[in-house]
Amino acid sequence: MTKQQPGRLELLQGTLEMMILRTLLLGPSNGYQIAKTIEQMSNDVLQIDHGSLYPALHRLEKRGWLSAKWDTSETKRRAKYYRLTAAGRKKLITEQSKWDRLAAAIGQVMRPA
């Protein structure tokens, strides 16, 4: 995340990695495209800082949840493209389930019946 701007929210630890995995369900992307997709999907509430994005991509690749290869981008520049692996898909399912439970529990605390 970049400097706090009005209307923007800070991410919980581990949330960026989950959103990267979710974004890559749409297909292979480079880092710039991943950040822009997350921003668009959040209606620009989330702005991804490249200082957080690229270390997260490297961690996910090291864990085997992403594979990567160099290619030429739409702007004719060399870019690393990331793809979700089978292990990454499995991890995303697990993380999404945890996230759903966490969001429901927070909702119960913040809006008791």
PDB file of N, CA and C in Angstrom:
ATOM      1  N   MET A   1       0.842  -1.170   0.000  1.00  0.00           N
ATOM      2  CA  MET A   1       0.000   0.000   0.000  1.00  0.00           C
ATOM      3  C   MET A   1       0.892   1.240   0.000  1.00  0.00           C
ATOM      4  N   THR A   2       0.407   2.289  -0.588  1.00  0.00           N
ATOM      5  CA  THR A   2       1.139   3.541  -0.601  1.00  0.00           C
ATOM      6  C   THR A   2       0.663   4.416   0.546  1.00  0.00           C
ATOM      7  N   LYS A   3       1.137   5.663   0.572  1.00  0.00           N
ATOM      8  CA  LYS A   3       0.700   6.588   1.614  1.00  0.00           C
ATOM      9  C   LYS A   3      -0.819   6.578   1.702  1.00  0.00           C
ATOM     10  N   GLN A   4      -1.314   6.654   2.924  1.00  0.00           N
ATOM     11  CA  GLN A   4      -2.759   6.613   3.137  1.00  0.00           C
ATOM     12  C   GLN A   4      -3.420   7.793   2.439  1.00  0.00           C
ATOM     13  N   GLN A   5      -4.367   7.519   1.577  1.00  0.00           N
ATOM     14  CA  GLN A   5      -5.130   8.533   0.877  1.00  0.00           C
ATOM     15  C   GLN A   5      -6.576   8.412   1.323  1.00  0.00           C
ATOM     16  N   PRO A   6      -7.313   9.526   1.308  1.00  0.00           N
ATOM     17  CA  PRO A   6      -8.718   9.452   1.731  1.00  0.00           C
ATOM     18  C   PRO A   6      -9.481   8.373   0.962  1.00  0.00           C
ATOM     19  N   GLY A   7     -10.249   7.567   1.691  1.00  0.00           N
ATOM     20  CA  GLY A   7     -11.056   6.536   1.058  1.00  0.00           C
ATOM     21  C   GLY A   7     -10.322   5.228   0.816  1.00  0.00           C
ATOM     22  N   ARG A   8      -9.030   5.195   1.068  1.00  0.00           N
ATOM     23  CA  ARG A   8      -8.252   3.967   0.853  1.00  0.00           C
ATOM     24  C   ARG A   8      -8.045   3.257   2.184  1.00  0.00           C
ATOM     25  N   LEU A   9      -7.901   1.944   2.130  1.00  0.00           N
ATOM     26  CA  LEU A   9      -7.783   1.134   3.340  1.00  0.00           C
ATOM     27  C   LEU A   9      -6.455   0.399   3.385  1.00  0.00           C
ATOM     28  N   GLU A  10      -5.959   0.146   4.584  1.00  0.00           N
ATOM     29  CA  GLU A  10      -4.754  -0.661   4.766  1.00  0.00           C
ATOM     30  C   GLU A  10      -5.142  -2.140   4.703  1.00  0.00           C
ATOM     31  N   LEU A  11      -4.228  -2.966   4.223  1.00  0.00           N
ATOM     32  CA  LEU A  11      -4.490  -4.402   4.119  1.00  0.00           C
ATOM     33  C   LEU A  11      -4.040  -5.138   5.368  1.00  0.00           C
ATOM     34  N   LEU A  12      -4.784  -6.169   5.749  1.00  0.00           N
ATOM     35  CA  LEU A  12      -4.348  -7.065   6.806  1.00  0.00           C
ATOM     36  C   LEU A  12      -3.209  -7.927   6.284  1.00  0.00           C
ATOM     37  N   GLN A  13      -2.313  -8.333   7.180  1.00  0.00           N
ATOM     38  CA  GLN A  13      -1.195  -9.172   6.778  1.00  0.00           C
ATOM     39  C   GLN A  13      -1.688 -10.442   6.086  1.00  0.00           C
ATOM     40  N   GLY A  14      -1.082 -10.783   4.968  1.00  0.00           N
ATOM     41  CA  GLY A  14      -1.448 -11.975   4.220  1.00  0.00           C
ATOM     42  C   GLY A  14      -2.548 -11.735   3.191  1.00  0.00           C
ATOM     43  N   THR A  15      -3.236 -10.615   3.299  1.00  0.00           N
ATOM     44  CA  THR A  15      -4.340 -10.334   2.387  1.00  0.00           C
ATOM     45  C   THR A  15      -3.842 -10.076   0.972  1.00  0.00           C
ATOM     46  N   LEU A  16      -2.714  -9.380   0.842  1.00  0.00           N
ATOM     47  CA  LEU A  16      -2.172  -9.097  -0.486  1.00  0.00           C
ATOM     48  C   LEU A  16      -1.867 -10.395  -1.226  1.00  0.00           C
ATOM     49  N   GLU A  17      -1.249 -11.349  -0.545  1.00  0.00           N
ATOM     50  CA  GLU A  17      -0.923 -12.624  -1.185  1.00  0.00           C
ATOM     51  C   GLU A  17      -2.188 -13.336  -1.657  1.00  0.00           C
ATOM     52  N   MET A  18      -3.234 -13.320  -0.828  1.00  0.00           N
ATOM     53  CA  MET A  18      -4.496 -13.961  -1.215  1.00  0.00           C
ATOM     54  C   MET A  18      -5.091 -13.264  -2.445  1.00  0.00           C
ATOM     55  N   MET A  19      -5.018 -11.935  -2.476  1.00  0.00           N
ATOM     56  CA  MET A  19      -5.577 -11.210  -3.617  1.00  0.00           C
ATOM     57  C   MET A  19      -4.755 -11.432  -4.883  1.00  0.00           C
ATOM     58  N   ILE A  20      -3.449 -11.596  -4.741  1.00  0.00           N
ATOM     59  CA  ILE A  20      -2.610 -11.925  -5.905  1.00  0.00           C
ATOM     60  C   ILE A  20      -3.039 -13.273  -6.470  1.00  0.00           C
ATOM     61  N   LEU A  21      -3.177 -14.265  -5.599  1.00  0.00           N
ATOM     62  CA  LEU A  21      -3.601 -15.596  -6.050  1.00  0.00           C
ATOM     63  C   LEU A  21      -4.960 -15.514  -6.736  1.00  0.00           C
ATOM     64  N   ARG A  22      -5.887 -14.763  -6.160  1.00  0.00           N
ATOM     65  CA  ARG A  22      -7.231 -14.624  -6.738  1.00  0.00           C
ATOM     66  C   ARG A  22      -7.169 -13.953  -8.103  1.00  0.00           C
ATOM     67  N   THR A  23      -6.354 -12.930  -8.213  1.00  0.00           N
ATOM     68  CA  THR A  23      -6.212 -12.213  -9.484  1.00  0.00           C
ATOM     69  C   THR A  23      -5.679 -13.134 -10.573  1.00  0.00           C
ATOM     70  N   LEU A  24      -4.752 -13.996 -10.217  1.00  0.00           N
ATOM     71  CA  LEU A  24      -4.148 -14.885 -11.214  1.00  0.00           C
ATOM     72  C   LEU A  24      -5.075 -16.026 -11.640  1.00  0.00           C
ATOM     73  N   LEU A  25      -6.224 -16.180 -10.982  1.00  0.00           N
ATOM     74  CA  LEU A  25      -7.233 -17.117 -11.486  1.00  0.00           C
ATOM     75  C   LEU A  25      -7.727 -16.668 -12.857  1.00  0.00           C
ATOM     76  N   LEU A  26      -7.638 -15.370 -13.121  1.00  0.00           N
ATOM     77  CA  LEU A  26      -8.077 -14.807 -14.396  1.00  0.00           C
ATOM     78  C   LEU A  26      -7.105 -15.125 -15.531  1.00  0.00           C
ATOM     79  N   GLY A  27      -5.890 -15.537 -15.190  1.00  0.00           N
ATOM     80  CA  GLY A  27      -4.878 -15.861 -16.191  1.00  0.00           C
ATOM     81  C   GLY A  27      -3.552 -15.216 -15.851  1.00  0.00           C
ATOM     82  N   PRO A  28      -2.502 -15.575 -16.583  1.00  0.00           N
ATOM     83  CA  PRO A  28      -1.167 -15.036 -16.304  1.00  0.00           C
ATOM     84  C   PRO A  28      -1.138 -13.510 -16.433  1.00  0.00           C
ATOM     85  N   SER A  29      -0.357 -12.882 -15.570  1.00  0.00           N
ATOM     86  CA  SER A  29      -0.224 -11.424 -15.579  1.00  0.00           C
ATOM     87  C   SER A  29       1.151 -11.031 -15.078  1.00  0.00           C
ATOM     88  N   ASN A  30       1.570  -9.826 -15.454  1.00  0.00           N
ATOM     89  CA  ASN A  30       2.795  -9.280 -14.881  1.00  0.00           C
ATOM     90  C   ASN A  30       2.421  -8.455 -13.644  1.00  0.00           C
ATOM     91  N   GLY A  31       3.421  -8.032 -12.901  1.00  0.00           N
ATOM     92  CA  GLY A  31       3.174  -7.317 -11.657  1.00  0.00           C
ATOM     93  C   GLY A  31       2.320  -6.079 -11.823  1.00  0.00           C
ATOM     94  N   TYR A  32       2.600  -5.283 -12.834  1.00  0.00           N
ATOM     95  CA  TYR A  32       1.828  -4.069 -13.081  1.00  0.00           C
ATOM     96  C   TYR A  32       0.352  -4.404 -13.302  1.00  0.00           C
ATOM     97  N   GLN A  33       0.103  -5.421 -14.127  1.00  0.00           N
ATOM     98  CA  GLN A  33      -1.282  -5.821 -14.407  1.00  0.00           C
ATOM     99  C   GLN A  33      -1.978  -6.344 -13.150  1.00  0.00           C
ATOM    100  N   ILE A  34      -1.254  -7.090 -12.326  1.00  0.00           N
ATOM    101  CA  ILE A  34      -1.829  -7.618 -11.083  1.00  0.00           C
ATOM    102  C   ILE A  34      -2.263  -6.461 -10.188  1.00  0.00           C
ATOM    103  N   ALA A  35      -1.382  -5.477 -10.006  1.00  0.00           N
ATOM    104  CA  ALA A  35      -1.707  -4.322  -9.161  1.00  0.00           C
ATOM    105  C   ALA A  35      -2.921  -3.575  -9.707  1.00  0.00           C
ATOM    106  N   LYS A  36      -2.950  -3.341 -11.000  1.00  0.00           N
ATOM    107  CA  LYS A  36      -4.070  -2.612 -11.613  1.00  0.00           C
ATOM    108  C   LYS A  36      -5.375  -3.395 -11.491  1.00  0.00           C
ATOM    109  N   THR A  37      -5.315  -4.710 -11.648  1.00  0.00           N
ATOM    110  CA  THR A  37      -6.525  -5.535 -11.522  1.00  0.00           C
ATOM    111  C   THR A  37      -7.089  -5.463 -10.109  1.00  0.00           C
ATOM    112  N   ILE A  38      -6.216  -5.552  -9.106  1.00  0.00           N
ATOM    113  CA  ILE A  38      -6.673  -5.457  -7.711  1.00  0.00           C
ATOM    114  C   ILE A  38      -7.299  -4.093  -7.462  1.00  0.00           C
ATOM    115  N   GLU A  39      -6.661  -3.053  -7.965  1.00  0.00           N
ATOM    116  CA  GLU A  39      -7.202  -1.704  -7.793  1.00  0.00           C
ATOM    117  C   GLU A  39      -8.578  -1.586  -8.451  1.00  0.00           C
ATOM    118  N   GLN A  40      -8.700  -2.084  -9.672  1.00  0.00           N
ATOM    119  CA  GLN A  40      -9.981  -2.003 -10.386  1.00  0.00           C
ATOM    120  C   GLN A  40     -11.056  -2.829  -9.691  1.00  0.00           C
ATOM    121  N   MET A  41     -10.697  -4.046  -9.257  1.00  0.00           N
ATOM    122  CA  MET A  41     -11.682  -4.916  -8.614  1.00  0.00           C
ATOM    123  C   MET A  41     -12.159  -4.340  -7.277  1.00  0.00           C
ATOM    124  N   SER A  42     -11.331  -3.494  -6.647  1.00  0.00           N
ATOM    125  CA  SER A  42     -11.705  -2.882  -5.370  1.00  0.00           C
ATOM    126  C   SER A  42     -12.322  -1.496  -5.564  1.00  0.00           C
ATOM    127  N   ASN A  43     -12.659  -1.152  -6.816  1.00  0.00           N
ATOM    128  CA  ASN A  43     -13.179   0.183  -7.123  1.00  0.00           C
ATOM    129  C   ASN A  43     -12.232   1.278  -6.628  1.00  0.00           C
ATOM    130  N   ASP A  44     -10.930   1.018  -6.793  1.00  0.00           N
ATOM    131  CA  ASP A  44      -9.859   1.953  -6.422  1.00  0.00           C
ATOM    132  C   ASP A  44      -9.780   2.255  -4.932  1.00  0.00           C
ATOM    133  N   VAL A  45     -10.358   1.411  -4.086  1.00  0.00           N
ATOM    134  CA  VAL A  45     -10.204   1.574  -2.640  1.00  0.00           C
ATOM    135  C   VAL A  45      -8.818   1.093  -2.224  1.00  0.00           C
ATOM    136  N   LEU A  46      -8.331   0.039  -2.877  1.00  0.00           N
ATOM    137  CA  LEU A  46      -7.004  -0.500  -2.581  1.00  0.00           C
ATOM    138  C   LEU A  46      -6.023  -0.043  -3.649  1.00  0.00           C
ATOM    139  N   GLN A  47      -4.886   0.477  -3.211  1.00  0.00           N
ATOM    140  CA  GLN A  47      -3.820   0.835  -4.135  1.00  0.00           C
ATOM    141  C   GLN A  47      -2.602   0.036  -3.717  1.00  0.00           C
ATOM    142  N   ILE A  48      -2.095  -0.775  -4.633  1.00  0.00           N
ATOM    143  CA  ILE A  48      -1.008  -1.692  -4.315  1.00  0.00           C
ATOM    144  C   ILE A  48       0.338  -1.025  -4.566  1.00  0.00           C
ATOM    145  N   ASP A  49       1.150  -0.994  -3.526  1.00  0.00           N
ATOM    146  CA  ASP A  49       2.491  -0.427  -3.601  1.00  0.00           C
ATOM    147  C   ASP A  49       3.433  -1.482  -4.170  1.00  0.00           C
ATOM    148  N   HIS A  50       4.220  -1.093  -5.161  1.00  0.00           N
ATOM    149  CA  HIS A  50       5.133  -2.047  -5.788  1.00  0.00           C
ATOM    150  C   HIS A  50       6.191  -2.546  -4.804  1.00  0.00           C
ATOM    151  N   GLY A  51       6.471  -1.758  -3.770  1.00  0.00           N
ATOM    152  CA  GLY A  51       7.400  -2.192  -2.728  1.00  0.00           C
ATOM    153  C   GLY A  51       6.852  -3.339  -1.890  1.00  0.00           C
ATOM    154  N   SER A  52       5.549  -3.524  -1.904  1.00  0.00           N
ATOM    155  CA  SER A  52       4.913  -4.667  -1.233  1.00  0.00           C
ATOM    156  C   SER A  52       4.607  -5.783  -2.223  1.00  0.00           C
ATOM    157  N   LEU A  53       4.220  -5.404  -3.439  1.00  0.00           N
ATOM    158  CA  LEU A  53       3.788  -6.374  -4.439  1.00  0.00           C
ATOM    159  C   LEU A  53       4.901  -7.339  -4.843  1.00  0.00           C
ATOM    160  N   TYR A  54       6.044  -6.821  -5.236  1.00  0.00           N
ATOM    161  CA  TYR A  54       7.077  -7.690  -5.774  1.00  0.00           C
ATOM    162  C   TYR A  54       7.678  -8.646  -4.739  1.00  0.00           C
ATOM    163  N   PRO A  55       7.900  -8.212  -3.505  1.00  0.00           N
ATOM    164  CA  PRO A  55       8.319  -9.202  -2.491  1.00  0.00           C
ATOM    165  C   PRO A  55       7.264 -10.295  -2.283  1.00  0.00           C
ATOM    166  N   ALA A  56       5.983  -9.921  -2.326  1.00  0.00           N
ATOM    167  CA  ALA A  56       4.908 -10.920  -2.172  1.00  0.00           C
ATOM    168  C   ALA A  56       4.928 -11.894  -3.339  1.00  0.00           C
ATOM    169  N   LEU A  57       5.111 -11.394  -4.553  1.00  0.00           N
ATOM    170  CA  LEU A  57       5.191 -12.276  -5.729  1.00  0.00           C
ATOM    171  C   LEU A  57       6.357 -13.247  -5.593  1.00  0.00           C
ATOM    172  N   HIS A  58       7.495 -12.754  -5.133  1.00  0.00           N
ATOM    173  CA  HIS A  58       8.664 -13.634  -4.971  1.00  0.00           C
ATOM    174  C   HIS A  58       8.427 -14.687  -3.900  1.00  0.00           C
ATOM    175  N   ARG A  59       7.762 -14.304  -2.794  1.00  0.00           N
ATOM    176  CA  ARG A  59       7.439 -15.288  -1.742  1.00  0.00           C
ATOM    177  C   ARG A  59       6.515 -16.371  -2.294  1.00  0.00           C
ATOM    178  N   LEU A  60       5.492 -15.959  -3.038  1.00  0.00           N
ATOM    179  CA  LEU A  60       4.535 -16.933  -3.597  1.00  0.00           C
ATOM    180  C   LEU A  60       5.214 -17.856  -4.601  1.00  0.00           C
ATOM    181  N   GLU A  61       6.116 -17.314  -5.380  1.00  0.00           N
ATOM    182  CA  GLU A  61       6.847 -18.138  -6.344  1.00  0.00           C
ATOM    183  C   GLU A  61       7.765 -19.125  -5.609  1.00  0.00           C
ATOM    184  N   LYS A  62       8.450 -18.655  -4.571  1.00  0.00           N
ATOM    185  CA  LYS A  62       9.352 -19.514  -3.790  1.00  0.00           C
ATOM    186  C   LYS A  62       8.595 -20.664  -3.124  1.00  0.00           C
ATOM    187  N   ARG A  63       7.356 -20.403  -2.706  1.00  0.00           N
ATOM    188  CA  ARG A  63       6.532 -21.432  -2.066  1.00  0.00           C
ATOM    189  C   ARG A  63       5.918 -22.407  -3.077  1.00  0.00           C
ATOM    190  N   GLY A  64       6.069 -22.099  -4.368  1.00  0.00           N
ATOM    191  CA  GLY A  64       5.539 -22.994  -5.397  1.00  0.00           C
ATOM    192  C   GLY A  64       4.092 -22.716  -5.766  1.00  0.00           C
ATOM    193  N   TRP A  65       3.543 -21.601  -5.301  1.00  0.00           N
ATOM    194  CA  TRP A  65       2.153 -21.275  -5.582  1.00  0.00           C
ATOM    195  C   TRP A  65       2.002 -20.511  -6.888  1.00  0.00           C
ATOM    196  N   LEU A  66       3.116 -19.970  -7.384  1.00  0.00           N
ATOM    197  CA  LEU A  66       3.163 -19.297  -8.681  1.00  0.00           C
ATOM    198  C   LEU A  66       4.341 -19.820  -9.469  1.00  0.00           C
ATOM    199  N   SER A  67       4.212 -19.795 -10.780  1.00  0.00           N
ATOM    200  CA  SER A  67       5.366 -19.998 -11.644  1.00  0.00           C
ATOM    201  C   SER A  67       5.529 -18.701 -12.427  1.00  0.00           C
ATOM    202  N   ALA A  68       6.725 -18.463 -12.931  1.00  0.00           N
ATOM    203  CA  ALA A  68       6.960 -17.197 -13.625  1.00  0.00           C
ATOM    204  C   ALA A  68       7.880 -17.416 -14.809  1.00  0.00           C
ATOM    205  N   LYS A  69       7.698 -16.582 -15.833  1.00  0.00           N
ATOM    206  CA  LYS A  69       8.610 -16.592 -16.969  1.00  0.00           C
ATOM    207  C   LYS A  69       8.654 -15.195 -17.566  1.00  0.00           C
ATOM    208  N   TRP A  70       9.785 -14.883 -18.148  1.00  0.00           N
ATOM    209  CA  TRP A  70       9.961 -13.579 -18.780  1.00  0.00           C
ATOM    210  C   TRP A  70       9.351 -13.603 -20.177  1.00  0.00           C
ATOM    211  N   ASP A  71       8.722 -12.484 -20.544  1.00  0.00           N
ATOM    212  CA  ASP A  71       8.106 -12.343 -21.856  1.00  0.00           C
ATOM    213  C   ASP A  71       8.055 -10.853 -22.192  1.00  0.00           C
ATOM    214  N   THR A  72       7.496 -10.521 -23.327  1.00  0.00           N
ATOM    215  CA  THR A  72       7.352  -9.129 -23.738  1.00  0.00           C
ATOM    216  C   THR A  72       5.949  -8.649 -23.419  1.00  0.00           C
ATOM    217  N   SER A  73       5.854  -7.484 -22.772  1.00  0.00           N
ATOM    218  CA  SER A  73       4.557  -6.936 -22.382  1.00  0.00           C
ATOM    219  C   SER A  73       3.884  -6.255 -23.568  1.00  0.00           C
ATOM    220  N   GLU A  74       2.658  -5.802 -23.326  1.00  0.00           N
ATOM    221  CA  GLU A  74       1.907  -5.093 -24.364  1.00  0.00           C
ATOM    222  C   GLU A  74       2.613  -3.810 -24.799  1.00  0.00           C
ATOM    223  N   THR A  75       3.442  -3.258 -23.905  1.00  0.00           N
ATOM    224  CA  THR A  75       4.172  -2.025 -24.217  1.00  0.00           C
ATOM    225  C   THR A  75       5.557  -2.328 -24.797  1.00  0.00           C
ATOM    226  N   LYS A  76       5.753  -3.590 -25.197  1.00  0.00           N
ATOM    227  CA  LYS A  76       7.004  -4.042 -25.826  1.00  0.00           C
ATOM    228  C   LYS A  76       8.204  -3.996 -24.881  1.00  0.00           C
ATOM    229  N   ARG A  77       7.924  -4.103 -23.584  1.00  0.00           N
ATOM    230  CA  ARG A  77       8.992  -4.165 -22.596  1.00  0.00           C
ATOM    231  C   ARG A  77       9.074  -5.570 -22.043  1.00  0.00           C
ATOM    232  N   ARG A  78      10.251  -5.919 -21.568  1.00  0.00           N
ATOM    233  CA  ARG A  78      10.455  -7.218 -20.939  1.00  0.00           C
ATOM    234  C   ARG A  78       9.771  -7.212 -19.571  1.00  0.00           C
ATOM    235  N   ALA A  79       8.957  -8.225 -19.316  1.00  0.00           N
ATOM    236  CA  ALA A  79       8.229  -8.300 -18.050  1.00  0.00           C
ATOM    237  C   ALA A  79       8.126  -9.754 -17.609  1.00  0.00           C
ATOM    238  N   LYS A  80       8.093  -9.945 -16.319  1.00  0.00           N
ATOM    239  CA  LYS A  80       7.939 -11.276 -15.751  1.00  0.00           C
ATOM    240  C   LYS A  80       6.443 -11.546 -15.589  1.00  0.00           C
ATOM    241  N   TYR A  81       5.983 -12.643 -16.175  1.00  0.00           N
ATOM    242  CA  TYR A  81       4.570 -13.028 -16.103  1.00  0.00           C
ATOM    243  C   TYR A  81       4.402 -14.173 -15.111  1.00  0.00           C
ATOM    244  N   TYR A  82       3.425 -14.015 -14.230  1.00  0.00           N
ATOM    245  CA  TYR A  82       3.165 -14.989 -13.174  1.00  0.00           C
ATOM    246  C   TYR A  82       1.915 -15.782 -13.512  1.00  0.00           C
ATOM    247  N   ARG A  83       1.964 -17.063 -13.174  1.00  0.00           N
ATOM    248  CA  ARG A  83       0.848 -17.979 -13.424  1.00  0.00           C
ATOM    249  C   ARG A  83       0.601 -18.766 -12.141  1.00  0.00           C
ATOM    250  N   LEU A  84      -0.666 -18.987 -11.837  1.00  0.00           N
ATOM    251  CA  LEU A  84      -1.060 -19.771 -10.673  1.00  0.00           C
ATOM    252  C   LEU A  84      -0.760 -21.247 -10.931  1.00  0.00           C
ATOM    253  N   THR A  85      -0.131 -21.911  -9.967  1.00  0.00           N
ATOM    254  CA  THR A  85       0.124 -23.348 -10.084  1.00  0.00           C
ATOM    255  C   THR A  85      -1.031 -24.118  -9.432  1.00  0.00           C
ATOM    256  N   ALA A  86      -1.032 -25.427  -9.593  1.00  0.00           N
ATOM    257  CA  ALA A  86      -2.058 -26.257  -8.943  1.00  0.00           C
ATOM    258  C   ALA A  86      -1.993 -26.079  -7.423  1.00  0.00           C
ATOM    259  N   ALA A  87      -0.771 -26.022  -6.886  1.00  0.00           N
ATOM    260  CA  ALA A  87      -0.607 -25.803  -5.441  1.00  0.00           C
ATOM    261  C   ALA A  87      -1.139 -24.429  -5.049  1.00  0.00           C
ATOM    262  N   GLY A  88      -0.961 -23.442  -5.918  1.00  0.00           N
ATOM    263  CA  GLY A  88      -1.482 -22.104  -5.660  1.00  0.00           C
ATOM    264  C   GLY A  88      -2.993 -22.063  -5.650  1.00  0.00           C
ATOM    265  N   ARG A  89      -3.602 -22.820  -6.557  1.00  0.00           N
ATOM    266  CA  ARG A  89      -5.079 -22.900  -6.573  1.00  0.00           C
ATOM    267  C   ARG A  89      -5.595 -23.515  -5.272  1.00  0.00           C
ATOM    268  N   LYS A  90      -4.925 -24.565  -4.825  1.00  0.00           N
ATOM    269  CA  LYS A  90      -5.323 -25.226  -3.583  1.00  0.00           C
ATOM    270  C   LYS A  90      -5.158 -24.269  -2.396  1.00  0.00           C
ATOM    271  N   LYS A  91      -4.056 -23.535  -2.364  1.00  0.00           N
ATOM    272  CA  LYS A  91      -3.813 -22.562  -1.293  1.00  0.00           C
ATOM    273  C   LYS A  91      -4.877 -21.472  -1.311  1.00  0.00           C
ATOM    274  N   LEU A  92      -5.245 -21.008  -2.502  1.00  0.00           N
ATOM    275  CA  LEU A  92      -6.270 -19.964  -2.611  1.00  0.00           C
ATOM    276  C   LEU A  92      -7.594 -20.441  -2.021  1.00  0.00           C
ATOM    277  N   ILE A  93      -7.984 -21.671  -2.298  1.00  0.00           N
ATOM    278  CA  ILE A  93      -9.228 -22.213  -1.750  1.00  0.00           C
ATOM    279  C   ILE A  93      -9.184 -22.209  -0.226  1.00  0.00           C
ATOM    280  N   THR A  94      -8.043 -22.642   0.334  1.00  0.00           N
ATOM    281  CA  THR A  94      -7.873 -22.666   1.792  1.00  0.00           C
ATOM    282  C   THR A  94      -7.943 -21.257   2.370  1.00  0.00           C
ATOM    283  N   GLU A  95      -7.205 -20.321   1.742  1.00  0.00           N
ATOM    284  CA  GLU A  95      -7.165 -18.951   2.249  1.00  0.00           C
ATOM    285  C   GLU A  95      -8.521 -18.260   2.113  1.00  0.00           C
ATOM    286  N   GLN A  96      -9.222 -18.532   1.016  1.00  0.00           N
ATOM    287  CA  GLN A  96     -10.538 -17.916   0.831  1.00  0.00           C
ATOM    288  C   GLN A  96     -11.502 -18.404   1.911  1.00  0.00           C
ATOM    289  N   SER A  97     -11.421 -19.681   2.249  1.00  0.00           N
ATOM    290  CA  SER A  97     -12.276 -20.228   3.296  1.00  0.00           C
ATOM    291  C   SER A  97     -11.964 -19.564   4.638  1.00  0.00           C
ATOM    292  N   LYS A  98     -10.682 -19.399   4.949  1.00  0.00           N
ATOM    293  CA  LYS A  98     -10.286 -18.734   6.196  1.00  0.00           C
ATOM    294  C   LYS A  98     -10.766 -17.286   6.202  1.00  0.00           C
ATOM    295  N   TRP A  99     -10.599 -16.618   5.059  1.00  0.00           N
ATOM    296  CA  TRP A  99     -11.020 -15.221   4.952  1.00  0.00           C
ATOM    297  C   TRP A  99     -12.527 -15.091   5.172  1.00  0.00           C
ATOM    298  N   ASP A 100     -13.296 -15.974   4.573  1.00  0.00           N
ATOM    299  CA  ASP A 100     -14.751 -15.935   4.727  1.00  0.00           C
ATOM    300  C   ASP A 100     -15.148 -16.091   6.198  1.00  0.00           C
ATOM    301  N   ARG A 101     -14.480 -17.025   6.906  1.00  0.00           N
ATOM    302  CA  ARG A 101     -14.774 -17.235   8.327  1.00  0.00           C
ATOM    303  C   ARG A 101     -14.389 -16.012   9.151  1.00  0.00           C
ATOM    304  N   LEU A 102     -13.221 -15.426   8.843  1.00  0.00           N
ATOM    305  CA  LEU A 102     -12.753 -14.249   9.562  1.00  0.00           C
ATOM    306  C   LEU A 102     -13.696 -13.067   9.336  1.00  0.00           C
ATOM    307  N   ALA A 103     -14.079 -12.823   8.091  1.00  0.00           N
ATOM    308  CA  ALA A 103     -14.977 -11.710   7.766  1.00  0.00           C
ATOM    309  C   ALA A 103     -16.324 -11.887   8.465  1.00  0.00           C
ATOM    310  N   ALA A 104     -16.834 -13.109   8.498  1.00  0.00           N
ATOM    311  CA  ALA A 104     -18.116 -13.378   9.172  1.00  0.00           C
ATOM    312  C   ALA A 104     -17.984 -13.125  10.675  1.00  0.00           C
ATOM    313  N   ALA A 105     -16.881 -13.556  11.281  1.00  0.00           N
ATOM    314  CA  ALA A 105     -16.683 -13.361  12.723  1.00  0.00           C
ATOM    315  C   ALA A 105     -16.558 -11.881  13.064  1.00  0.00           C
ATOM    316  N   ILE A 106     -15.825 -11.131  12.242  1.00  0.00           N
ATOM    317  CA  ILE A 106     -15.687  -9.685  12.474  1.00  0.00           C
ATOM    318  C   ILE A 106     -17.060  -9.024  12.316  1.00  0.00           C
ATOM    319  N   GLY A 107     -17.816  -9.445  11.307  1.00  0.00           N
ATOM    320  CA  GLY A 107     -19.152  -8.910  11.112  1.00  0.00           C
ATOM    321  C   GLY A 107     -20.053  -9.141  12.313  1.00  0.00           C
ATOM    322  N   GLN A 108     -19.937 -10.316  12.936  1.00  0.00           N
ATOM    323  CA  GLN A 108     -20.761 -10.620  14.118  1.00  0.00           C
ATOM    324  C   GLN A 108     -20.386  -9.716  15.289  1.00  0.00           C
ATOM    325  N   VAL A 109     -19.106  -9.415  15.422  1.00  0.00           N
ATOM    326  CA  VAL A 109     -18.664  -8.544  16.525  1.00  0.00           C
ATOM    327  C   VAL A 109     -19.102  -7.094  16.265  1.00  0.00           C
ATOM    328  N   MET A 110     -18.937  -6.648  15.018  1.00  0.00           N
ATOM    329  CA  MET A 110     -19.222  -5.249  14.693  1.00  0.00           C
ATOM    330  C   MET A 110     -20.721  -4.961  14.574  1.00  0.00           C
ATOM    331  N   ARG A 111     -21.500  -5.968  14.218  1.00  0.00           N
ATOM    332  CA  ARG A 111     -22.952  -5.784  14.068  1.00  0.00           C
ATOM    333  C   ARG A 111     -23.695  -6.907  14.788  1.00  0.00           C
ATOM    334  N   PRO A 112     -23.660  -6.878  16.121  1.00  0.00           N
ATOM    335  CA  PRO A 112     -24.331  -7.965  16.853  1.00  0.00           C
ATOM    336  C   PRO A 112     -25.845  -7.945  16.592  1.00  0.00           C
ATOM    337  N   ALA A 113     -26.434  -9.135  16.646  1.00  0.00           N
ATOM    338  CA  ALA A 113     -27.891  -9.274  16.363  1.00  0.00           C
ATOM    339  C   ALA A 113     -28.720  -8.601  17.437  1.00  0.00           C
TER     340      ALA A 113
END
